[in-house]
Amino acid sequence: MSYSEVTLEIKKILSNDKLSNVEVYKLLDHELTKLIGNLESINSNSRQVIVTEIEQMISEYKNWGLYLTSFLLTFTKDQSFLNDIFGYMEKEERIDVLHFIYWQITSCLFTTPKLKTEENTNRLRRLYRKYFEYFNNQIANKENWIPYEERNKDVVVVVAGQILSIRHSPTQVALDHCQALNNLKKNIYLINTADMPRSIVTPYFNTVLSNYVEGYNQTDGLMYENLKIPFFQCKKEMPDGDQITKLIKTIRHLKPLFVLSVSGSNVSADLFSNFVPVITLPLAYDLPISESTFSILPRKINTADLNMLEELNRSRESVIESVFTYKYTPPQTKMHREYWGLDEDNFVLAVVGNRLDTELDDSFLTELDDLLKCNDHARIMFIGDLKNYKKITNRYITLHKQSVHVGVQKDLAAVYEVCDAYLNTVRSGGGTSAAIALRQGLPVFTYAFGDVAHTAGEYYHINSFDDVKTFIKNWEDPVFREHEKTVAINRASEIFDSEKVIREIIETMTKLPHFY
């Protein structure tokens, strides 16, 4: 079947008035998912034909415009289609649709580094503000504020947008900060608002839905190490006005000293700032998207941040500079190189990720293959889900000879003990895996982009793979090797002390006028 025949089939589905919207959606998803699956085999001319024909359908079938545009965004990664989706949302009045698409765009920016621009992030912030103001306008009142002297100085409420298992990094961040606050003699109450979409609200291609642990609805406490944390999880899918009202009543009853919102983009937590101070802790190195009283910035503030604050009419005092911290779990097992066919004299580079199939692009793989050609004793250990491993190694012969794929590894610290260094792909996430690598004494090579670049620090930023080649050559010197391990461990010591960091944040926050 030619690609023109594929688009003709799509048009037939759209024009069939005997089909329900649900049936159309399922049939379109089936056809377009197959098309994406064959993306690598489609030449540039055919791709352009597909784009042109689907653009014509958007004009003809306006009710399916958002869905078809979201497909074209996935198909091309082109800024123009993201602009179109922003345009749809800036006119959208249904709050559940606004919420749903907000999270789809958030996911797109996270997984597509070239689209995570300052302009796109700021448009996303404005979209969130529109969503937030819908609810805030219903409750905003200066008389809502609970003065400092009436708040319970021993109580802190921690709000998370998602709580899953301890292997889920955002969950561990939330629980680790609960423990740190407990160590500071605060009584903690943890709320999971389960803010991200769990069902499809409107047709959208390649929809991202969040996981949810139903079993947590039957518990009023979570165990984290030796600490039992009082806990509540929202059952209804957000946004839900009744549920938000109940959460507000809880805050008014508890009268906490402040609320710690983990991650951001949490409308419930931001609404609490009508009553008590709310401080938002991001899960990345950007200012969180939030309307809370204060925001934590885990790096030095820059000109772009200041411009964004001015645009959103937020004060510089609302931002507290800090560092992002991680939780360290020592190796639970002992691993050996021979298990994966590696020799003791190999230089083993770990390439880690939860989305390696999308993060390993041709540019990165070409550089990696060339790196191995120059170093026949070097080996790449791919850690994480990589369905395309055989396809990749069929195309890159040196990678086929000098790499192993070990899949998802729960005990990362143990795996790192058989590695010599960590090499980052060009991506947004990965901070946790890099932090653990540093703690195990592994140098972390990264371009100056994304979370890993901030986690590792400027010392580890590379300009090209030539820097890695030079490092591998120097690694043969035992003095150099020990020095680099020490540098890595020293950097790790700065980012694994949540209690110290949260204490400093509280001390800074309590000196600011907005706190009272």
Protein backbone atom coordinates (compact mmCIF):
# COMPACT_ATOMS: atom_id res chain seq x y z
CA MET A 1 0.00 0.00 0.00
CA SER A 2 1.38 3.42 -0.96
CA TYR A 3 1.39 6.31 1.47
CA SER A 4 -1.19 8.13 -0.63
CA GLU A 5 -3.42 5.08 -0.18
CA VAL A 6 -2.84 5.32 3.58
CA THR A 7 -3.96 8.94 3.71
CA LEU A 8 -6.91 8.05 1.44
CA GLU A 9 -7.93 5.42 4.00
CA ILE A 10 -7.74 8.05 6.74
CA LYS A 11 -9.99 10.33 4.72
CA LYS A 12 -12.50 7.52 4.22
CA ILE A 13 -12.67 6.99 7.99
CA LEU A 14 -13.21 10.71 8.63
CA SER A 15 -15.96 10.99 6.00
CA ASN A 16 -17.90 7.90 7.14
CA ASP A 17 -20.90 9.44 8.91
CA LYS A 18 -22.10 6.01 10.03
CA LEU A 19 -19.24 5.75 12.52
CA SER A 20 -19.39 7.17 16.04
CA ASN A 21 -16.63 9.49 17.24
CA VAL A 22 -15.22 6.67 19.36
CA GLU A 23 -15.10 4.34 16.36
CA VAL A 24 -13.44 7.01 14.21
CA TYR A 25 -10.88 7.63 16.94
CA LYS A 26 -9.98 3.93 17.23
CA LEU A 27 -9.69 3.44 13.47
CA LEU A 28 -7.59 6.59 13.02
CA ASP A 29 -5.32 5.59 15.88
CA HIS A 30 -4.82 2.16 14.31
CA GLU A 31 -3.90 3.54 10.87
CA LEU A 32 -1.70 6.38 12.09
CA THR A 33 0.14 4.24 14.64
CA LYS A 34 1.05 1.86 11.80
CA LEU A 35 2.31 4.85 9.84
CA ILE A 36 4.54 5.97 12.71
CA GLY A 37 5.84 2.40 13.01
CA ASN A 38 7.07 2.60 9.41
CA LEU A 39 8.54 6.09 9.81
CA GLU A 40 12.17 5.03 9.22
CA SER A 41 11.33 3.52 5.84
CA ILE A 42 9.52 6.62 4.54
CA ASN A 43 11.68 8.95 2.44
CA SER A 44 11.53 12.73 2.82
CA ASN A 45 9.39 13.28 -0.30
CA SER A 46 6.78 10.76 0.85
CA ARG A 47 6.77 12.29 4.32
CA GLN A 48 6.01 15.69 2.84
CA VAL A 49 3.15 14.22 0.77
CA ILE A 50 1.65 12.73 3.93
CA VAL A 51 1.98 16.02 5.81
CA THR A 52 0.40 18.03 2.98
CA GLU A 53 -2.53 15.64 2.59
CA ILE A 54 -3.25 15.52 6.33
CA GLU A 55 -3.03 19.33 6.55
CA GLN A 56 -5.76 19.47 3.88
CA MET A 57 -7.88 17.12 6.02
CA ILE A 58 -7.47 19.44 9.02
CA SER A 59 -9.11 22.22 6.99
CA GLU A 60 -11.89 19.91 5.82
CA TYR A 61 -12.61 18.03 9.07
CA LYS A 62 -12.27 20.78 11.67
CA ASN A 63 -13.66 18.65 14.53
CA TRP A 64 -10.63 16.41 14.15
CA GLY A 65 -8.16 19.26 13.74
CA LEU A 66 -6.52 18.90 17.16
CA TYR A 67 -6.14 15.14 16.79
CA LEU A 68 -4.63 15.32 13.29
CA THR A 69 -2.34 18.18 14.32
CA SER A 70 -1.10 16.15 17.30
CA PHE A 71 -0.31 13.32 14.88
CA LEU A 72 1.67 15.68 12.64
CA LEU A 73 3.58 16.92 15.69
CA THR A 74 4.56 13.34 16.54
CA PHE A 75 5.33 12.57 12.88
CA THR A 76 7.51 15.63 12.19
CA LYS A 77 8.54 17.11 15.60
CA ASP A 78 7.96 20.43 13.82
CA GLN A 79 7.47 23.64 15.82
CA SER A 80 4.65 24.84 13.56
CA PHE A 81 2.36 22.01 14.67
CA LEU A 82 3.11 22.67 18.32
CA ASN A 83 2.21 26.31 17.66
CA ASP A 84 -1.11 25.14 16.22
CA ILE A 85 -1.84 23.05 19.32
CA PHE A 86 -1.03 26.01 21.58
CA GLY A 87 -3.42 28.02 19.41
CA TYR A 88 -6.20 25.49 19.94
CA MET A 89 -5.67 25.56 23.71
CA GLU A 90 -5.49 29.33 24.03
CA LYS A 91 -9.08 29.41 22.69
CA GLU A 92 -10.28 26.34 24.63
CA GLU A 93 -12.90 26.93 27.32
CA ARG A 94 -13.48 23.39 28.62
CA ILE A 95 -11.31 23.10 31.71
CA ASP A 96 -10.96 19.30 31.51
CA VAL A 97 -9.69 19.55 27.92
CA LEU A 98 -7.29 22.32 28.89
CA HIS A 99 -5.92 20.18 31.72
CA PHE A 100 -5.62 17.10 29.51
CA ILE A 101 -3.79 18.82 26.64
CA TYR A 102 -1.55 20.74 29.05
CA TRP A 103 -0.10 17.43 30.21
CA GLN A 104 0.25 16.13 26.63
CA ILE A 105 2.31 19.20 25.71
CA THR A 106 4.33 18.84 28.92
CA SER A 107 5.21 15.28 27.93
CA CYS A 108 6.10 16.37 24.40
CA LEU A 109 8.52 19.05 25.62
CA PHE A 110 10.12 16.61 28.04
CA THR A 111 10.75 13.90 25.43
CA THR A 112 11.65 16.23 22.53
CA PRO A 113 14.64 18.39 23.57
CA LYS A 114 14.59 20.56 20.45
CA LEU A 115 11.07 21.72 21.30
CA LYS A 116 11.88 22.57 24.91
CA THR A 117 12.62 26.19 24.15
CA GLU A 118 12.20 29.21 26.40
CA GLU A 119 9.29 30.41 24.26
CA ASN A 120 7.46 27.06 24.39
CA THR A 121 7.99 26.73 28.14
CA ASN A 122 6.60 30.23 28.71
CA ARG A 123 3.55 29.47 26.54
CA LEU A 124 3.03 26.37 28.66
CA ARG A 125 3.26 28.51 31.81
CA ARG A 126 0.57 30.84 30.46
CA LEU A 127 -1.60 27.84 29.61
CA TYR A 128 -1.26 26.57 33.17
CA ARG A 129 -2.10 30.00 34.56
CA LYS A 130 -5.32 30.01 32.51
CA TYR A 131 -6.22 26.62 34.02
CA PHE A 132 -5.28 27.76 37.54
CA GLU A 133 -7.21 31.05 37.30
CA TYR A 134 -10.41 29.18 36.44
CA PHE A 135 -10.41 27.74 39.97
CA ASN A 136 -8.60 30.55 41.75
CA ASN A 137 -11.15 33.17 40.71
CA GLN A 138 -13.78 31.18 42.60
CA ILE A 139 -11.99 31.27 45.95
CA ALA A 140 -9.54 34.21 45.89
CA ASN A 141 -10.12 36.38 48.95
CA LYS A 142 -7.58 38.18 51.14
CA GLU A 143 -9.56 37.15 54.21
CA ASN A 144 -8.71 33.49 53.48
CA TRP A 145 -5.11 33.93 54.65
CA ILE A 146 -4.20 32.19 57.92
CA PRO A 147 -1.69 34.44 59.73
CA TYR A 148 1.62 33.05 60.96
CA GLU A 149 0.59 33.21 64.62
CA GLU A 150 -2.48 31.05 63.91
CA ARG A 151 -0.64 28.37 61.94
CA ASN A 152 0.63 25.16 63.51
CA LYS A 153 4.43 25.57 63.58
CA ASP A 154 4.96 21.80 63.88
CA VAL A 155 2.86 20.74 60.87
CA VAL A 156 3.91 20.65 57.21
CA VAL A 157 1.74 19.28 54.41
CA VAL A 158 3.57 17.69 51.47
CA VAL A 159 1.60 17.54 48.22
CA ALA A 160 2.59 15.30 45.29
CA GLY A 161 0.99 15.02 41.88
CA GLN A 162 1.74 11.29 41.68
CA ILE A 163 2.74 8.61 44.18
CA LEU A 164 3.74 5.21 42.81
CA SER A 165 6.45 2.80 44.01
CA ILE A 166 9.76 3.67 45.62
CA ARG A 167 11.47 3.00 42.26
CA HIS A 168 9.53 5.95 40.82
CA SER A 169 11.87 8.94 41.14
CA PRO A 170 9.21 11.63 41.90
CA THR A 171 7.74 9.35 44.57
CA GLN A 172 11.13 8.88 46.19
CA VAL A 173 11.74 12.64 46.14
CA ALA A 174 8.43 13.23 47.92
CA LEU A 175 9.06 10.53 50.54
CA ASP A 176 12.68 11.57 51.06
CA HIS A 177 11.56 15.14 51.80
CA CYS A 178 8.90 13.85 54.17
CA GLN A 179 11.66 12.03 56.04
CA ALA A 180 13.92 15.13 56.03
CA LEU A 181 11.09 17.26 57.44
CA ASN A 182 10.37 14.62 60.06
CA ASN A 183 14.05 14.74 61.07
CA LEU A 184 13.56 18.50 61.52
CA LYS A 185 10.81 17.72 64.07
CA LYS A 186 7.89 18.49 61.76
CA ASN A 187 4.68 16.47 61.73
CA ILE A 188 4.08 15.50 58.12
CA TYR A 189 0.87 14.90 56.20
CA LEU A 190 1.30 13.64 52.61
CA ILE A 191 -1.38 14.17 49.96
CA ASN A 192 -1.34 12.60 46.50
CA THR A 193 -3.63 14.71 44.34
CA ALA A 194 -3.04 12.33 41.39
CA ASP A 195 -3.16 15.41 39.19
CA MET A 196 -2.16 13.97 35.82
CA PRO A 197 -4.71 12.55 33.33
CA ARG A 198 -5.69 8.92 33.71
CA SER A 199 -8.23 8.77 30.88
CA ILE A 200 -8.68 10.31 27.43
CA VAL A 201 -10.75 13.49 27.57
CA THR A 202 -10.53 14.43 23.88
CA PRO A 203 -9.01 12.67 20.84
CA TYR A 204 -5.24 13.18 20.78
CA PHE A 205 -2.62 11.10 19.02
CA ASN A 206 -0.14 9.07 21.06
CA THR A 207 -1.86 10.02 24.32
CA VAL A 208 0.21 9.90 27.52
CA LEU A 209 -1.79 8.73 30.56
CA SER A 210 -0.46 8.51 34.10
CA ASN A 211 -0.24 5.45 36.33
CA TYR A 212 -2.28 5.27 39.53
CA VAL A 213 -2.09 2.83 42.45
CA GLU A 214 -5.68 2.00 43.43
CA GLY A 215 -4.47 0.14 46.52
CA TYR A 216 -3.35 3.41 48.15
CA ASN A 217 -7.01 4.39 48.47
CA GLN A 218 -7.32 1.84 51.28
CA THR A 219 -4.50 3.18 53.44
CA ASP A 220 -4.02 6.20 55.67
CA GLY A 221 -0.25 5.84 55.94
CA LEU A 222 2.80 4.97 53.84
CA MET A 223 5.94 3.34 55.22
CA TYR A 224 9.23 4.81 54.11
CA GLU A 225 12.19 3.07 55.70
CA ASN A 226 11.28 3.27 59.42
CA LEU A 227 8.90 6.21 59.11
CA LYS A 228 5.11 5.92 58.80
CA ILE A 229 3.81 8.97 56.93
CA PRO A 230 0.13 9.96 57.31
CA PHE A 231 -1.26 9.82 53.80
CA PHE A 232 -4.31 10.62 51.68
CA GLN A 233 -4.83 9.92 47.98
CA CYS A 234 -7.47 11.58 45.81
CA LYS A 235 -9.78 9.02 44.23
CA LYS A 236 -11.53 11.17 41.63
CA GLU A 237 -9.69 12.12 38.49
CA MET A 238 -8.60 15.74 38.34
CA PRO A 239 -9.78 18.38 37.75
CA ASP A 240 -12.67 17.86 40.18
CA GLY A 241 -14.13 20.85 42.01
CA ASP A 242 -15.65 18.87 44.89
CA GLN A 243 -12.41 17.07 45.57
CA ILE A 244 -10.38 20.29 45.49
CA THR A 245 -12.89 21.84 47.94
CA LYS A 246 -12.37 18.93 50.34
CA LEU A 247 -8.59 19.34 50.12
CA ILE A 248 -8.94 23.04 50.91
CA LYS A 249 -11.03 22.18 53.98
CA THR A 250 -8.21 19.85 55.09
CA ILE A 251 -5.67 22.67 54.81
CA ARG A 252 -7.94 25.06 56.71
CA HIS A 253 -8.32 22.44 59.43
CA LEU A 254 -4.63 21.51 59.73
CA LYS A 255 -3.38 25.11 59.44
CA PRO A 256 0.15 23.96 58.53
CA LEU A 257 3.19 26.19 58.83
CA PHE A 258 3.56 25.78 55.07
CA VAL A 259 2.86 23.37 52.21
CA LEU A 260 5.65 21.73 50.19
CA SER A 261 4.44 21.01 46.66
CA VAL A 262 6.60 18.41 44.90
CA SER A 263 6.94 18.81 41.12
CA GLY A 264 4.68 21.74 40.26
CA SER A 265 1.73 22.09 37.86
CA ASN A 266 -0.48 21.11 40.79
CA VAL A 267 -3.57 23.30 40.87
CA SER A 268 -4.69 22.06 44.31
CA ALA A 269 -1.35 22.89 45.94
CA ASP A 270 -1.27 26.29 44.23
CA LEU A 271 -4.80 27.06 45.45
CA PHE A 272 -3.63 26.37 49.00
CA SER A 273 -1.49 29.50 48.68
CA ASN A 274 -4.69 31.46 49.30
CA PHE A 275 -4.49 30.18 52.89
CA VAL A 276 -0.88 29.35 53.83
CA PRO A 277 2.57 29.70 52.22
CA VAL A 278 3.18 27.10 49.51
CA ILE A 279 6.68 26.37 48.24
CA THR A 280 7.16 24.32 45.08
CA LEU A 281 10.06 21.91 44.62
CA PRO A 282 10.69 21.10 40.93
CA LEU A 283 11.74 17.68 39.69
CA ALA A 284 14.06 19.27 37.14
CA TYR A 285 16.42 22.22 36.99
CA ASP A 286 14.00 24.78 35.61
CA LEU A 287 11.72 27.02 37.61
CA PRO A 288 8.64 24.92 38.28
CA ILE A 289 5.42 25.78 36.50
CA SER A 290 3.49 26.90 39.53
CA GLU A 291 1.39 29.68 41.03
CA SER A 292 2.58 28.98 44.57
CA THR A 293 3.91 31.55 47.06
CA PHE A 294 7.53 30.47 46.57
CA SER A 295 9.44 28.37 44.05
CA ILE A 296 12.70 26.52 44.59
CA LEU A 297 15.25 26.90 41.79
CA PRO A 298 17.95 24.20 42.10
CA ARG A 299 20.60 26.34 40.42
CA LYS A 300 21.61 30.00 40.08
CA ILE A 301 18.91 32.27 38.67
CA ASN A 302 19.65 33.63 35.19
CA THR A 303 18.42 36.38 32.89
CA ALA A 304 15.83 34.15 31.20
CA ASP A 305 14.36 33.32 34.62
CA LEU A 306 14.17 37.00 35.55
CA ASN A 307 12.49 37.83 32.24
CA MET A 308 9.95 35.09 32.78
CA LEU A 309 9.19 36.33 36.32
CA GLU A 310 8.65 39.83 34.99
CA GLU A 311 6.34 38.56 32.24
CA LEU A 312 4.23 36.62 34.76
CA ASN A 313 4.32 39.50 37.26
CA ARG A 314 6.03 37.42 39.93
CA SER A 315 8.60 38.88 42.33
CA ARG A 316 12.28 37.89 42.48
CA GLU A 317 11.72 37.24 46.21
CA SER A 318 9.38 34.37 45.32
CA VAL A 319 12.37 32.33 44.05
CA ILE A 320 14.71 30.54 46.47
CA GLU A 321 17.97 29.31 44.97
CA SER A 322 19.06 25.89 46.21
CA VAL A 323 20.38 22.53 44.98
CA PHE A 324 18.47 19.45 43.90
CA THR A 325 18.99 16.47 46.18
CA TYR A 326 18.74 12.73 45.65
CA LYS A 327 18.32 9.61 47.76
CA TYR A 328 21.19 7.14 47.79
CA THR A 329 20.64 3.40 48.16
CA PRO A 330 23.90 1.41 48.43
CA PRO A 331 24.43 -1.60 46.16
CA GLN A 332 22.22 -4.50 47.20
CA THR A 333 24.07 -7.16 45.21
CA LYS A 334 27.54 -7.88 43.86
CA MET A 335 27.85 -7.85 40.09
CA HIS A 336 30.68 -9.11 37.89
CA ARG A 337 31.75 -8.04 34.42
CA GLU A 338 31.97 -11.55 33.03
CA TYR A 339 28.21 -11.98 33.53
CA TRP A 340 27.73 -9.58 30.58
CA GLY A 341 30.76 -10.73 28.60
CA LEU A 342 32.95 -7.80 29.66
CA ASP A 343 36.67 -8.06 30.41
CA GLU A 344 38.51 -6.43 33.29
CA ASP A 345 40.63 -4.36 30.89
CA ASN A 346 37.56 -2.90 29.14
CA PHE A 347 36.65 0.75 29.65
CA VAL A 348 32.90 0.48 30.29
CA LEU A 349 30.67 3.48 29.59
CA ALA A 350 27.13 3.34 30.97
CA VAL A 351 24.38 4.86 28.80
CA VAL A 352 21.23 4.95 30.91
CA GLY A 353 17.62 5.95 30.26
CA ASN A 354 13.96 5.10 30.56
CA ARG A 355 13.30 6.24 26.97
CA LEU A 356 16.41 5.06 25.10
CA ASP A 357 14.44 4.20 21.96
CA THR A 358 13.64 7.88 21.45
CA GLU A 359 16.75 9.39 23.05
CA LEU A 360 19.33 7.51 20.95
CA ASP A 361 19.14 9.50 17.73
CA ASP A 362 21.34 9.00 14.65
CA SER A 363 23.68 11.86 15.56
CA PHE A 364 24.43 10.45 19.00
CA LEU A 365 24.76 6.86 17.73
CA THR A 366 27.14 7.92 14.95
CA GLU A 367 29.39 9.67 17.48
CA LEU A 368 29.20 6.66 19.79
CA ASP A 369 30.14 4.27 17.01
CA ASP A 370 33.10 6.47 16.07
CA LEU A 371 34.21 6.65 19.72
CA LEU A 372 34.35 2.85 19.85
CA LYS A 373 36.27 2.63 16.57
CA CYS A 374 38.98 4.80 18.17
CA ASN A 375 39.03 2.71 21.37
CA ASP A 376 38.80 -1.02 20.76
CA HIS A 377 38.93 -1.75 24.50
CA ALA A 378 35.91 0.50 25.21
CA ARG A 379 32.47 -0.99 25.73
CA ILE A 380 29.02 0.61 25.93
CA MET A 381 26.57 -0.76 28.49
CA PHE A 382 23.02 0.30 27.60
CA ILE A 383 20.94 0.28 30.79
CA GLY A 384 17.17 0.60 30.40
CA ASP A 385 14.42 -0.47 28.03
CA LEU A 386 15.75 -0.49 24.45
CA LYS A 387 13.47 -2.38 22.08
CA ASN A 388 15.46 -1.16 19.07
CA TYR A 389 18.80 -2.56 20.29
CA LYS A 390 19.09 -5.19 17.52
CA LYS A 391 17.96 -2.72 14.87
CA ILE A 392 20.57 -0.21 16.09
CA THR A 393 23.42 -2.69 16.22
CA ASN A 394 22.56 -3.95 12.74
CA ARG A 395 23.17 -0.42 11.46
CA TYR A 396 26.22 0.39 13.57
CA ILE A 397 28.68 -2.48 13.27
CA THR A 398 31.17 -1.31 15.92
CA LEU A 399 28.35 -0.88 18.42
CA HIS A 400 27.32 -4.44 17.62
CA LYS A 401 30.83 -5.67 18.53
CA GLN A 402 31.47 -3.39 21.50
CA SER A 403 28.21 -2.96 23.37
CA VAL A 404 25.84 -4.86 25.61
CA HIS A 405 22.22 -4.19 26.54
CA VAL A 406 21.41 -5.19 30.12
CA GLY A 407 17.81 -3.95 30.23
CA VAL A 408 16.16 -2.22 33.17
CA GLN A 409 18.22 -2.57 36.36
CA LYS A 410 16.66 -1.94 39.78
CA ASP A 411 20.02 -1.97 41.58
CA LEU A 412 21.78 0.76 39.60
CA ALA A 413 24.49 1.34 42.19
CA ALA A 414 25.52 -2.32 41.89
CA VAL A 415 25.60 -2.19 38.08
CA TYR A 416 27.73 0.96 38.19
CA GLU A 417 30.39 -0.94 40.14
CA VAL A 418 31.31 -2.75 36.91
CA CYS A 419 31.36 0.53 34.92
CA ASP A 420 34.08 3.17 34.58
CA ALA A 421 32.06 6.23 33.51
CA TYR A 422 28.60 7.48 32.56
CA LEU A 423 27.74 9.01 29.18
CA ASN A 424 24.56 11.05 28.85
CA THR A 425 22.31 11.27 25.81
CA VAL A 426 20.83 14.64 24.80
CA ARG A 427 17.66 14.64 26.89
CA SER A 428 15.73 16.45 29.61
CA GLY A 429 15.70 13.88 32.44
CA GLY A 430 18.22 11.45 33.91
CA GLY A 431 19.30 13.37 37.02
CA THR A 432 18.80 10.46 39.41
CA SER A 433 20.79 7.93 37.39
CA ALA A 434 23.63 10.46 37.02
CA ALA A 435 23.61 11.30 40.74
CA ILE A 436 23.93 7.62 41.68
CA ALA A 437 26.77 7.27 39.17
CA LEU A 438 28.65 10.14 40.83
CA ARG A 439 28.09 8.59 44.25
CA GLN A 440 29.68 5.39 42.94
CA GLY A 441 32.71 7.39 41.77
CA LEU A 442 31.87 7.44 38.06
CA PRO A 443 32.74 10.52 35.98
CA VAL A 444 29.64 11.78 34.12
CA PHE A 445 30.05 13.04 30.55
CA THR A 446 27.26 15.28 29.32
CA TYR A 447 26.62 18.11 26.94
CA ALA A 448 25.60 21.34 28.69
CA PHE A 449 21.88 20.58 28.39
CA GLY A 450 19.23 19.08 30.64
CA ASP A 451 19.03 17.71 34.15
CA VAL A 452 22.21 15.63 33.99
CA ALA A 453 24.26 18.71 33.08
CA HIS A 454 23.05 20.44 36.26
CA THR A 455 23.40 17.32 38.40
CA ALA A 456 27.00 16.69 37.35
CA GLY A 457 28.09 20.33 37.27
CA GLU A 458 30.20 22.26 34.76
CA TYR A 459 33.31 20.17 35.45
CA TYR A 460 31.76 17.32 33.45
CA HIS A 461 30.37 19.28 30.49
CA ILE A 462 31.81 18.19 27.15
CA ASN A 463 32.01 20.09 23.87
CA SER A 464 32.28 16.95 21.74
CA PHE A 465 33.08 13.26 21.99
CA ASP A 466 36.73 14.24 21.50
CA ASP A 467 36.70 15.17 25.22
CA VAL A 468 35.59 11.63 26.05
CA LYS A 469 38.31 10.14 23.83
CA THR A 470 40.96 12.20 25.65
CA PHE A 471 39.56 11.11 29.01
CA ILE A 472 39.68 7.42 28.06
CA LYS A 473 43.33 7.80 27.06
CA ASN A 474 44.17 9.50 30.38
CA TRP A 475 42.26 6.81 32.31
CA GLU A 476 45.22 4.48 31.91
CA ASP A 477 47.10 6.62 34.46
CA PRO A 478 46.23 5.32 38.01
CA VAL A 479 46.77 8.76 39.58
CA PHE A 480 44.39 10.38 37.10
CA ARG A 481 41.86 7.61 37.70
CA GLU A 482 41.80 8.05 41.48
CA HIS A 483 41.60 11.82 41.18
CA GLU A 484 38.55 11.59 38.90
CA LYS A 485 36.79 9.15 41.23
CA THR A 486 37.37 11.54 44.13
CA VAL A 487 35.98 14.48 42.14
CA ALA A 488 32.82 12.47 41.37
CA ILE A 489 32.27 11.44 45.01
CA ASN A 490 32.86 14.99 46.24
CA ARG A 491 30.24 16.30 43.83
CA ALA A 492 27.84 13.60 45.04
CA SER A 493 28.27 14.68 48.68
CA GLU A 494 26.71 18.04 47.74
CA ILE A 495 23.52 16.53 46.30
CA PHE A 496 22.65 13.72 48.72
CA ASP A 497 21.76 15.65 51.87
CA SER A 498 18.05 16.51 51.71
CA GLU A 499 17.82 17.37 55.41
CA LYS A 500 20.53 20.03 55.19
CA VAL A 501 19.06 21.52 52.02
CA ILE A 502 15.45 21.64 53.25
CA ARG A 503 16.62 23.24 56.52
CA GLU A 504 18.38 25.98 54.56
CA ILE A 505 15.30 26.50 52.37
CA ILE A 506 13.04 26.87 55.41
CA GLU A 507 15.46 29.33 57.02
CA THR A 508 15.46 31.45 53.86
CA MET A 509 11.69 31.23 53.36
CA THR A 510 10.82 32.27 56.92
CA LYS A 511 12.76 35.51 56.48
CA LEU A 512 10.68 36.59 53.48
CA PRO A 513 7.66 38.89 53.90
CA HIS A 514 5.30 36.63 51.91
CA PHE A 515 5.74 33.92 54.54
CA TYR A 516 3.71 35.81 57.13
